[in-house]
Structure formats: structure tokens, C-alpha cells
Amino acid sequence: MDFYKNYKQNIDAISSCLDAGLIFPALTLIYSSIDVIAWMAFGDIKVEDRFTNWIDQWMYKNRKLEASSINLYAARCSILHTLTPDSSLSKKGKANIVTYAWGKADINHLKEVAEKRGIEGQSFIHVNELFEIFREGVDLFMAELDTNKGLQKDFTERMKQSYEHILDEEMQSYRD
């Protein structure tokens, strides 16, 4: 099994979903991809912590969305678990609801509509920009993986944990 090849396929799938206007599948793939790479970076710590740590350390290193890492974590929970905008964190007032624009939509127009209606407690993001910044974060993570020996050691160990039980011959029989 090749983690890098599989991850590239995930990136390609997200791009295909966005091109086809499949927004919820794209968001599902983006958030689950962050889950995976955050686990590869931080291991078996609390999901919320590794997810937000990965965003803060790599995805938001050069530029940020309006939504904080905790807002994105809450959005991840809402998309992956209920396909609604609400999460337990947003219901408790610990995170903003993330409102999405996509395609050719102007996020500023979305903000204006919310403001006119008096809607508060939301963070507005464009799905395409979320994907771009996620990809930039992956690139930064992979670049650091090449130079940071400690990160490299931990990453390699987690890959072994994930794939050691799968024999190449067995996998080949499934592919044939």
C-alpha cells in the first residue's frame, strides 16, 4: 500500500467533486482527509486536538480562512456526522457555524445577506478556497516531513501500524 498514491487519489477525488458541483461529498473528503493527515502527524491524541493542531501548524501557516481551526473542527463534525450545519460545539456556543459558498458564488454577497437578516455566530468560507488552503497545508506538511527527522520517524511508524497487517500478495489478489 502506498500512502502517497492513496492520498493523491483523495486530492483528485475532491477536485473531481468540486468540478462536478458535488459540494457535500467534497467537504466530506476534505474533512476526512484532514483527519487522516492529522493522525499521521500527531498519532493517537484526542481527535479535536490533532485536527485543530494540524490546521494551525500547517494548513493555516501562510494564510487563513475566516473560520478558526475549532470552527472547522465543528464543521467537520457536522458534515461527517449529520450533513447539517450544527455540531455539539456550535450548539454550546464554543464554535461558529460554518457557512459555505462554492463555485462562482461571491462569499461577500453571502455575508451581506446574513448581515441583513441579523444572523450572527457564523464563519463564511468558500469551499474552493478551503480546498486550496488544505492542499497548501499538505504541501507544507510533506515538505517538513522531508526535513524533520522526528516527524518523519513518527509518520513512518504510523504508516507501519496502518499497513503492516496487509500483505502485498494478499492485496494483489484483491486487485486482480
N, C-alpha and C. Protein backbone atom coordinates (compact mmCIF):
# COMPACT_ATOMS: atom_id res chain seq x y z
N MET A 1 0.85 -1.17 0.00
CA MET A 1 0.00 0.00 0.00
C MET A 1 0.90 1.24 0.00
N ASP A 2 0.52 2.21 -0.77
CA ASP A 2 1.31 3.43 -0.89
C ASP A 2 0.49 4.60 -0.39
N PHE A 3 0.84 5.11 0.78
CA PHE A 3 0.10 6.22 1.38
C PHE A 3 0.03 7.41 0.44
N TYR A 4 1.15 7.75 -0.18
CA TYR A 4 1.20 8.94 -1.03
C TYR A 4 0.29 8.79 -2.25
N LYS A 5 0.29 7.62 -2.85
CA LYS A 5 -0.58 7.37 -4.00
C LYS A 5 -2.05 7.46 -3.59
N ASN A 6 -2.38 6.85 -2.47
CA ASN A 6 -3.76 6.90 -1.98
C ASN A 6 -4.18 8.33 -1.65
N TYR A 7 -3.27 9.09 -1.04
CA TYR A 7 -3.60 10.45 -0.69
C TYR A 7 -3.79 11.31 -1.93
N LYS A 8 -2.96 11.09 -2.94
CA LYS A 8 -3.10 11.80 -4.22
C LYS A 8 -4.47 11.50 -4.83
N GLN A 9 -4.91 10.26 -4.74
CA GLN A 9 -6.23 9.90 -5.26
C GLN A 9 -7.33 10.65 -4.51
N ASN A 10 -7.15 10.83 -3.21
CA ASN A 10 -8.13 11.58 -2.43
C ASN A 10 -8.19 13.03 -2.89
N ILE A 11 -7.03 13.64 -3.12
CA ILE A 11 -6.97 15.02 -3.62
C ILE A 11 -7.67 15.12 -4.97
N ASP A 12 -7.38 14.15 -5.85
CA ASP A 12 -8.02 14.13 -7.17
C ASP A 12 -9.54 13.97 -7.06
N ALA A 13 -9.98 13.15 -6.10
CA ALA A 13 -11.42 12.94 -5.91
C ALA A 13 -12.10 14.23 -5.43
N ILE A 14 -11.45 14.95 -4.54
CA ILE A 14 -12.01 16.23 -4.07
C ILE A 14 -12.15 17.19 -5.25
N SER A 15 -11.11 17.27 -6.04
CA SER A 15 -11.13 18.15 -7.21
C SER A 15 -12.26 17.75 -8.17
N SER A 16 -12.42 16.46 -8.40
CA SER A 16 -13.50 15.98 -9.28
C SER A 16 -14.86 16.33 -8.72
N CYS A 17 -15.04 16.18 -7.41
CA CYS A 17 -16.32 16.54 -6.78
C CYS A 17 -16.61 18.03 -6.96
N LEU A 18 -15.60 18.86 -6.73
CA LEU A 18 -15.81 20.30 -6.89
C LEU A 18 -16.14 20.65 -8.33
N ASP A 19 -15.44 20.03 -9.28
CA ASP A 19 -15.71 20.28 -10.69
C ASP A 19 -17.14 19.88 -11.08
N ALA A 20 -17.64 18.83 -10.42
CA ALA A 20 -18.99 18.33 -10.72
C ALA A 20 -20.07 19.00 -9.87
N GLY A 21 -19.68 19.92 -8.99
CA GLY A 21 -20.66 20.59 -8.15
C GLY A 21 -21.17 19.72 -7.01
N LEU A 22 -20.42 18.70 -6.63
CA LEU A 22 -20.79 17.79 -5.54
C LEU A 22 -20.18 18.31 -4.24
N ILE A 23 -20.83 19.29 -3.64
CA ILE A 23 -20.24 20.04 -2.54
C ILE A 23 -20.15 19.21 -1.26
N PHE A 24 -21.21 18.52 -0.86
CA PHE A 24 -21.14 17.75 0.37
C PHE A 24 -20.15 16.60 0.27
N PRO A 25 -20.10 15.85 -0.84
CA PRO A 25 -19.03 14.85 -0.95
C PRO A 25 -17.64 15.48 -0.91
N ALA A 26 -17.47 16.64 -1.53
CA ALA A 26 -16.17 17.33 -1.49
C ALA A 26 -15.81 17.69 -0.05
N LEU A 27 -16.76 18.26 0.69
CA LEU A 27 -16.50 18.62 2.08
C LEU A 27 -16.20 17.39 2.92
N THR A 28 -16.93 16.32 2.70
CA THR A 28 -16.69 15.07 3.42
C THR A 28 -15.27 14.58 3.18
N LEU A 29 -14.84 14.62 1.93
CA LEU A 29 -13.48 14.19 1.61
C LEU A 29 -12.43 15.14 2.18
N ILE A 30 -12.67 16.43 2.12
CA ILE A 30 -11.70 17.39 2.68
C ILE A 30 -11.54 17.14 4.18
N TYR A 31 -12.65 17.10 4.90
CA TYR A 31 -12.57 16.95 6.35
C TYR A 31 -12.00 15.59 6.76
N SER A 32 -12.39 14.53 6.06
CA SER A 32 -11.82 13.21 6.41
C SER A 32 -10.34 13.14 6.02
N SER A 33 -9.94 13.86 4.98
CA SER A 33 -8.53 13.91 4.60
C SER A 33 -7.70 14.64 5.65
N ILE A 34 -8.26 15.70 6.20
CA ILE A 34 -7.58 16.39 7.30
C ILE A 34 -7.45 15.44 8.48
N ASP A 35 -8.51 14.68 8.77
CA ASP A 35 -8.45 13.69 9.85
C ASP A 35 -7.28 12.74 9.66
N VAL A 36 -7.15 12.21 8.46
CA VAL A 36 -6.11 11.22 8.18
C VAL A 36 -4.72 11.82 8.35
N ILE A 37 -4.47 12.95 7.69
CA ILE A 37 -3.13 13.52 7.74
C ILE A 37 -2.81 14.05 9.13
N ALA A 38 -3.82 14.50 9.87
CA ALA A 38 -3.60 14.94 11.25
C ALA A 38 -3.21 13.75 12.12
N TRP A 39 -3.82 12.60 11.88
CA TRP A 39 -3.43 11.41 12.62
C TRP A 39 -2.01 11.00 12.27
N MET A 40 -1.66 11.10 10.98
CA MET A 40 -0.30 10.77 10.58
C MET A 40 0.71 11.72 11.23
N ALA A 41 0.31 12.94 11.47
CA ALA A 41 1.21 13.93 12.10
C ALA A 41 1.29 13.77 13.61
N PHE A 42 0.15 13.52 14.27
CA PHE A 42 0.11 13.59 15.73
C PHE A 42 -0.24 12.28 16.42
N GLY A 43 -0.69 11.29 15.69
CA GLY A 43 -0.98 10.00 16.31
C GLY A 43 -2.26 9.99 17.11
N ASP A 44 -2.28 9.13 18.10
CA ASP A 44 -3.49 8.85 18.85
C ASP A 44 -3.72 9.81 20.02
N ILE A 45 -3.85 11.09 19.68
CA ILE A 45 -4.31 12.06 20.68
C ILE A 45 -5.77 12.36 20.37
N LYS A 46 -6.40 13.12 21.20
CA LYS A 46 -7.81 13.48 21.02
C LYS A 46 -8.03 14.02 19.60
N VAL A 47 -9.06 13.54 18.92
CA VAL A 47 -9.32 13.90 17.52
C VAL A 47 -9.39 15.41 17.35
N GLU A 48 -10.11 16.09 18.22
CA GLU A 48 -10.24 17.55 18.12
C GLU A 48 -8.86 18.21 18.17
N ASP A 49 -8.01 17.75 19.08
CA ASP A 49 -6.69 18.35 19.24
C ASP A 49 -5.80 18.13 18.01
N ARG A 50 -5.78 16.90 17.51
CA ARG A 50 -4.91 16.67 16.35
C ARG A 50 -5.43 17.38 15.11
N PHE A 51 -6.74 17.44 14.93
CA PHE A 51 -7.35 18.12 13.79
C PHE A 51 -7.02 19.62 13.83
N THR A 52 -7.27 20.26 14.96
CA THR A 52 -7.02 21.70 15.08
C THR A 52 -5.52 22.00 15.07
N ASN A 53 -4.72 21.14 15.68
CA ASN A 53 -3.26 21.34 15.66
C ASN A 53 -2.72 21.28 14.24
N TRP A 54 -3.20 20.33 13.44
CA TRP A 54 -2.71 20.21 12.07
C TRP A 54 -3.09 21.45 11.25
N ILE A 55 -4.31 21.91 11.43
CA ILE A 55 -4.75 23.13 10.72
C ILE A 55 -3.87 24.31 11.13
N ASP A 56 -3.71 24.50 12.44
CA ASP A 56 -2.94 25.65 12.92
C ASP A 56 -1.47 25.57 12.51
N GLN A 57 -0.90 24.38 12.53
CA GLN A 57 0.52 24.24 12.25
C GLN A 57 0.86 24.26 10.76
N TRP A 58 0.03 23.63 9.93
CA TRP A 58 0.38 23.52 8.50
C TRP A 58 -0.62 24.21 7.58
N MET A 59 -1.89 23.93 7.76
CA MET A 59 -2.87 24.47 6.82
C MET A 59 -2.98 25.99 6.91
N TYR A 60 -2.91 26.53 8.11
CA TYR A 60 -3.03 27.98 8.31
C TYR A 60 -1.67 28.65 8.47
N LYS A 61 -0.62 28.02 8.04
CA LYS A 61 0.71 28.58 8.22
C LYS A 61 0.90 29.87 7.42
N ASN A 62 0.46 29.90 6.17
CA ASN A 62 0.68 31.06 5.31
C ASN A 62 -0.53 31.97 5.14
N ARG A 63 -1.71 31.39 5.22
CA ARG A 63 -2.94 32.20 5.11
C ARG A 63 -4.07 31.43 5.78
N LYS A 64 -5.09 32.17 6.18
CA LYS A 64 -6.19 31.58 6.94
C LYS A 64 -7.53 31.91 6.30
N LEU A 65 -8.47 31.07 6.60
CA LEU A 65 -9.87 31.33 6.27
C LEU A 65 -10.48 32.12 7.43
N GLU A 66 -11.69 32.61 7.23
CA GLU A 66 -12.40 33.29 8.31
C GLU A 66 -12.68 32.34 9.47
N ALA A 67 -12.90 31.08 9.16
CA ALA A 67 -13.20 30.08 10.19
C ALA A 67 -11.92 29.67 10.91
N SER A 68 -11.95 29.69 12.22
CA SER A 68 -10.81 29.24 13.02
C SER A 68 -10.71 27.71 12.91
N SER A 69 -9.62 27.17 13.43
CA SER A 69 -9.45 25.71 13.38
C SER A 69 -10.55 25.01 14.18
N ILE A 70 -10.99 25.59 15.30
CA ILE A 70 -12.07 24.96 16.07
C ILE A 70 -13.39 25.05 15.31
N ASN A 71 -13.60 26.15 14.56
CA ASN A 71 -14.80 26.24 13.73
C ASN A 71 -14.79 25.18 12.64
N LEU A 72 -13.61 24.95 12.05
CA LEU A 72 -13.51 23.89 11.03
C LEU A 72 -13.70 22.51 11.64
N TYR A 73 -13.22 22.32 12.85
CA TYR A 73 -13.44 21.03 13.51
C TYR A 73 -14.94 20.80 13.75
N ALA A 74 -15.62 21.84 14.21
CA ALA A 74 -17.07 21.73 14.42
C ALA A 74 -17.78 21.48 13.09
N ALA A 75 -17.33 22.15 12.02
CA ALA A 75 -17.91 21.93 10.69
C ALA A 75 -17.66 20.51 10.24
N ARG A 76 -16.47 20.00 10.52
CA ARG A 76 -16.14 18.61 10.19
C ARG A 76 -17.13 17.67 10.87
N CYS A 77 -17.36 17.90 12.16
CA CYS A 77 -18.29 17.04 12.90
C CYS A 77 -19.69 17.11 12.31
N SER A 78 -20.14 18.31 11.98
CA SER A 78 -21.49 18.45 11.45
C SER A 78 -21.62 17.79 10.08
N ILE A 79 -20.65 17.96 9.22
CA ILE A 79 -20.71 17.36 7.87
C ILE A 79 -20.59 15.84 7.95
N LEU A 80 -19.59 15.35 8.68
CA LEU A 80 -19.36 13.90 8.71
C LEU A 80 -20.44 13.13 9.47
N HIS A 81 -21.04 13.76 10.47
CA HIS A 81 -21.99 13.01 11.30
C HIS A 81 -23.45 13.25 10.98
N THR A 82 -23.79 14.45 10.48
CA THR A 82 -25.22 14.73 10.28
C THR A 82 -25.56 15.41 8.95
N LEU A 83 -24.55 15.86 8.21
CA LEU A 83 -24.78 16.64 6.98
C LEU A 83 -25.67 17.85 7.24
N THR A 84 -25.50 18.43 8.42
CA THR A 84 -26.22 19.66 8.78
C THR A 84 -25.18 20.69 9.19
N PRO A 85 -25.56 21.94 9.38
CA PRO A 85 -24.60 22.94 9.81
C PRO A 85 -24.28 22.90 11.30
N ASP A 86 -25.08 22.18 12.08
CA ASP A 86 -24.95 22.20 13.53
C ASP A 86 -24.04 21.09 14.05
N SER A 87 -23.27 21.44 15.07
CA SER A 87 -22.44 20.46 15.78
C SER A 87 -22.67 20.68 17.27
N SER A 88 -22.20 19.76 18.09
CA SER A 88 -22.35 19.96 19.54
C SER A 88 -21.57 21.20 19.98
N LEU A 89 -20.43 21.47 19.35
CA LEU A 89 -19.65 22.66 19.71
C LEU A 89 -20.40 23.95 19.35
N SER A 90 -21.04 23.98 18.19
CA SER A 90 -21.78 25.20 17.82
C SER A 90 -23.02 25.36 18.69
N LYS A 91 -23.66 24.26 19.04
CA LYS A 91 -24.84 24.34 19.90
C LYS A 91 -24.49 24.86 21.29
N LYS A 92 -23.26 24.56 21.75
CA LYS A 92 -22.81 25.02 23.06
C LYS A 92 -22.19 26.42 22.99
N GLY A 93 -22.12 27.00 21.80
CA GLY A 93 -21.54 28.33 21.64
C GLY A 93 -20.02 28.33 21.66
N LYS A 94 -19.39 27.17 21.48
CA LYS A 94 -17.93 27.08 21.50
C LYS A 94 -17.30 27.20 20.12
N ALA A 95 -18.14 27.20 19.09
CA ALA A 95 -17.66 27.34 17.71
C ALA A 95 -18.75 27.98 16.87
N ASN A 96 -18.33 28.73 15.88
CA ASN A 96 -19.27 29.29 14.91
C ASN A 96 -19.72 28.23 13.93
N ILE A 97 -20.92 28.38 13.44
CA ILE A 97 -21.38 27.56 12.33
C ILE A 97 -20.65 28.04 11.09
N VAL A 98 -20.18 27.11 10.28
CA VAL A 98 -19.51 27.47 9.04
C VAL A 98 -20.56 27.49 7.93
N THR A 99 -20.60 28.60 7.22
CA THR A 99 -21.49 28.75 6.08
C THR A 99 -20.63 28.78 4.83
N TYR A 100 -21.04 28.03 3.82
CA TYR A 100 -20.21 27.81 2.64
C TYR A 100 -20.75 28.52 1.40
N ALA A 101 -19.83 29.01 0.61
CA ALA A 101 -20.11 29.42 -0.77
C ALA A 101 -19.30 28.46 -1.64
N TRP A 102 -19.72 28.30 -2.89
CA TRP A 102 -18.97 27.43 -3.80
C TRP A 102 -19.19 27.86 -5.22
N GLY A 103 -18.39 27.27 -6.08
CA GLY A 103 -18.49 27.60 -7.50
C GLY A 103 -18.16 29.07 -7.72
N LYS A 104 -19.03 29.75 -8.47
CA LYS A 104 -18.81 31.17 -8.79
C LYS A 104 -19.43 32.11 -7.77
N ALA A 105 -19.99 31.55 -6.71
CA ALA A 105 -20.66 32.38 -5.70
C ALA A 105 -19.65 33.30 -5.02
N ASP A 106 -20.12 34.51 -4.71
CA ASP A 106 -19.32 35.51 -4.03
C ASP A 106 -19.60 35.43 -2.53
N ILE A 107 -18.59 35.13 -1.78
CA ILE A 107 -18.74 34.98 -0.33
C ILE A 107 -19.19 36.29 0.32
N ASN A 108 -18.79 37.41 -0.23
CA ASN A 108 -19.20 38.71 0.32
C ASN A 108 -20.70 38.91 0.21
N HIS A 109 -21.29 38.42 -0.86
CA HIS A 109 -22.75 38.51 -1.01
C HIS A 109 -23.42 37.67 0.08
N LEU A 110 -22.89 36.51 0.33
CA LEU A 110 -23.42 35.64 1.38
C LEU A 110 -23.35 36.34 2.74
N LYS A 111 -22.25 37.00 3.01
CA LYS A 111 -22.09 37.75 4.26
C LYS A 111 -23.12 38.88 4.36
N GLU A 112 -23.33 39.59 3.25
CA GLU A 112 -24.30 40.69 3.23
C GLU A 112 -25.70 40.20 3.54
N VAL A 113 -26.08 39.09 2.96
CA VAL A 113 -27.41 38.53 3.20
C VAL A 113 -27.57 38.16 4.68
N ALA A 114 -26.54 37.51 5.24
CA ALA A 114 -26.60 37.14 6.65
C ALA A 114 -26.69 38.37 7.54
N GLU A 115 -25.93 39.39 7.21
CA GLU A 115 -25.95 40.63 7.99
C GLU A 115 -27.32 41.28 7.94
N LYS A 116 -27.91 41.36 6.74
CA LYS A 116 -29.24 41.97 6.59
C LYS A 116 -30.29 41.21 7.38
N ARG A 117 -30.11 39.91 7.49
CA ARG A 117 -31.08 39.09 8.23
C ARG A 117 -30.76 39.02 9.72
N GLY A 118 -29.66 39.64 10.14
CA GLY A 118 -29.30 39.64 11.55
C GLY A 118 -28.74 38.32 12.04
N ILE A 119 -28.20 37.53 11.14
CA ILE A 119 -27.65 36.22 11.52
C ILE A 119 -26.23 36.43 12.05
N GLU A 120 -25.98 35.91 13.24
CA GLU A 120 -24.67 36.03 13.88
C GLU A 120 -24.12 34.65 14.21
N GLY A 121 -22.86 34.61 14.63
CA GLY A 121 -22.27 33.35 15.06
C GLY A 121 -21.93 32.41 13.91
N GLN A 122 -21.57 32.99 12.77
CA GLN A 122 -21.20 32.17 11.62
C GLN A 122 -19.86 32.61 11.08
N SER A 123 -19.15 31.67 10.49
CA SER A 123 -17.93 31.95 9.74
C SER A 123 -18.21 31.58 8.31
N PHE A 124 -17.79 32.42 7.39
CA PHE A 124 -18.09 32.22 5.98
C PHE A 124 -16.82 31.81 5.24
N ILE A 125 -16.92 30.73 4.48
CA ILE A 125 -15.78 30.29 3.69
C ILE A 125 -16.25 29.82 2.32
N HIS A 126 -15.36 29.94 1.36
CA HIS A 126 -15.61 29.42 0.03
C HIS A 126 -14.98 28.04 -0.04
N VAL A 127 -15.74 27.04 -0.45
CA VAL A 127 -15.25 25.66 -0.47
C VAL A 127 -13.98 25.53 -1.32
N ASN A 128 -13.93 26.24 -2.43
CA ASN A 128 -12.75 26.16 -3.29
C ASN A 128 -11.51 26.69 -2.56
N GLU A 129 -11.69 27.76 -1.78
CA GLU A 129 -10.56 28.29 -1.02
C GLU A 129 -10.16 27.34 0.11
N LEU A 130 -11.14 26.71 0.76
CA LEU A 130 -10.86 25.69 1.77
C LEU A 130 -9.98 24.59 1.16
N PHE A 131 -10.34 24.15 -0.03
CA PHE A 131 -9.57 23.10 -0.70
C PHE A 131 -8.17 23.58 -1.05
N GLU A 132 -8.06 24.80 -1.55
CA GLU A 132 -6.73 25.35 -1.90
C GLU A 132 -5.83 25.42 -0.68
N ILE A 133 -6.36 25.94 0.41
CA ILE A 133 -5.55 26.09 1.62
C ILE A 133 -5.22 24.73 2.21
N PHE A 134 -6.14 23.79 2.13
CA PHE A 134 -5.86 22.42 2.57
C PHE A 134 -4.70 21.84 1.76
N ARG A 135 -4.75 21.99 0.45
CA ARG A 135 -3.66 21.47 -0.40
C ARG A 135 -2.33 22.12 -0.06
N GLU A 136 -2.36 23.42 0.19
CA GLU A 136 -1.13 24.12 0.60
C GLU A 136 -0.60 23.54 1.91
N GLY A 137 -1.51 23.25 2.84
CA GLY A 137 -1.11 22.65 4.11
C GLY A 137 -0.49 21.28 3.92
N VAL A 138 -1.06 20.48 3.03
CA VAL A 138 -0.50 19.17 2.73
C VAL A 138 0.91 19.32 2.17
N ASP A 139 1.08 20.27 1.25
CA ASP A 139 2.41 20.51 0.68
C ASP A 139 3.41 20.91 1.75
N LEU A 140 3.01 21.80 2.65
CA LEU A 140 3.90 22.23 3.73
C LEU A 140 4.22 21.08 4.68
N PHE A 141 3.21 20.27 4.98
CA PHE A 141 3.44 19.11 5.84
C PHE A 141 4.43 18.15 5.20
N MET A 142 4.22 17.84 3.92
CA MET A 142 5.11 16.90 3.23
C MET A 142 6.54 17.46 3.13
N ALA A 143 6.67 18.76 2.94
CA ALA A 143 8.00 19.38 2.88
C ALA A 143 8.69 19.26 4.24
N GLU A 144 7.93 19.49 5.31
CA GLU A 144 8.52 19.36 6.65
C GLU A 144 8.85 17.91 6.95
N LEU A 145 8.05 17.02 6.44
CA LEU A 145 8.30 15.59 6.63
C LEU A 145 9.65 15.19 6.04
N ASP A 146 10.04 15.85 4.96
CA ASP A 146 11.34 15.56 4.33
C ASP A 146 12.52 16.03 5.17
N THR A 147 12.32 17.04 6.02
CA THR A 147 13.44 17.63 6.75
C THR A 147 13.41 17.39 8.26
N ASN A 148 12.25 17.11 8.82
CA ASN A 148 12.09 16.95 10.26
C ASN A 148 12.18 15.45 10.61
N LYS A 149 13.31 15.04 11.15
CA LYS A 149 13.56 13.61 11.42
C LYS A 149 12.59 13.03 12.45
N GLY A 150 12.22 13.82 13.45
CA GLY A 150 11.28 13.33 14.45
C GLY A 150 9.90 13.08 13.85
N LEU A 151 9.43 14.04 13.07
CA LEU A 151 8.15 13.90 12.38
C LEU A 151 8.20 12.72 11.42
N GLN A 152 9.30 12.61 10.71
CA GLN A 152 9.48 11.52 9.75
C GLN A 152 9.42 10.16 10.45
N LYS A 153 10.08 10.05 11.60
CA LYS A 153 10.08 8.79 12.36
C LYS A 153 8.66 8.43 12.81
N ASP A 154 7.95 9.41 13.38
CA ASP A 154 6.58 9.16 13.84
C ASP A 154 5.65 8.79 12.69
N PHE A 155 5.78 9.51 11.58
CA PHE A 155 4.96 9.26 10.39
C PHE A 155 5.21 7.83 9.88
N THR A 156 6.47 7.46 9.78
CA THR A 156 6.83 6.12 9.30
C THR A 156 6.28 5.05 10.22
N GLU A 157 6.36 5.29 11.52
CA GLU A 157 5.83 4.33 12.49
C GLU A 157 4.32 4.17 12.33
N ARG A 158 3.60 5.27 12.15
CA ARG A 158 2.15 5.18 11.98
C ARG A 158 1.78 4.49 10.67
N MET A 159 2.57 4.72 9.62
CA MET A 159 2.33 4.01 8.37
C MET A 159 2.49 2.52 8.56
N LYS A 160 3.52 2.12 9.30
CA LYS A 160 3.74 0.69 9.57
C LYS A 160 2.56 0.12 10.34
N GLN A 161 2.08 0.87 11.34
CA GLN A 161 0.93 0.42 12.13
C GLN A 161 -0.29 0.21 11.24
N SER A 162 -0.47 1.11 10.29
CA SER A 162 -1.66 1.09 9.45
C SER A 162 -1.62 -0.01 8.40
N TYR A 163 -0.44 -0.25 7.86
CA TYR A 163 -0.35 -1.13 6.70
C TYR A 163 0.36 -2.46 6.96
N GLU A 164 0.91 -2.67 8.16
CA GLU A 164 1.71 -3.86 8.37
C GLU A 164 0.92 -5.16 8.28
N HIS A 165 -0.35 -5.10 8.58
CA HIS A 165 -1.17 -6.31 8.56
C HIS A 165 -1.63 -6.69 7.15
N ILE A 166 -1.35 -5.86 6.18
CA ILE A 166 -1.77 -6.14 4.81
C ILE A 166 -0.55 -6.63 4.01
N LEU A 167 -0.60 -7.86 3.62
CA LEU A 167 0.49 -8.44 2.84
C LEU A 167 0.34 -8.05 1.36
N ASP A 168 1.47 -7.79 0.72
CA ASP A 168 1.43 -7.40 -0.69
C ASP A 168 0.75 -8.45 -1.55
N GLU A 169 1.03 -9.72 -1.29
CA GLU A 169 0.42 -10.79 -2.10
C GLU A 169 -1.09 -10.81 -1.91
N GLU A 170 -1.52 -10.62 -0.68
CA GLU A 170 -2.95 -10.61 -0.39
C GLU A 170 -3.62 -9.44 -1.11
N MET A 171 -3.00 -8.28 -1.04
CA MET A 171 -3.56 -7.11 -1.71
C MET A 171 -3.59 -7.31 -3.22
N GLN A 172 -2.58 -7.93 -3.76
CA GLN A 172 -2.55 -8.18 -5.20
C GLN A 172 -3.72 -9.06 -5.61
N SER A 173 -4.08 -10.03 -4.77
CA SER A 173 -5.20 -10.91 -5.13
C SER A 173 -6.51 -10.13 -5.18
N TYR A 174 -6.65 -9.08 -4.35
CA TYR A 174 -7.85 -8.25 -4.39
C TYR A 174 -7.88 -7.36 -5.62
N ARG A 175 -6.71 -6.96 -6.09
CA ARG A 175 -6.62 -6.11 -7.26
C ARG A 175 -6.84 -6.89 -8.56
N ASP A 176 -6.50 -8.16 -8.54
CA ASP A 176 -6.62 -9.00 -9.76
C ASP A 176 -8.04 -9.31 -10.15
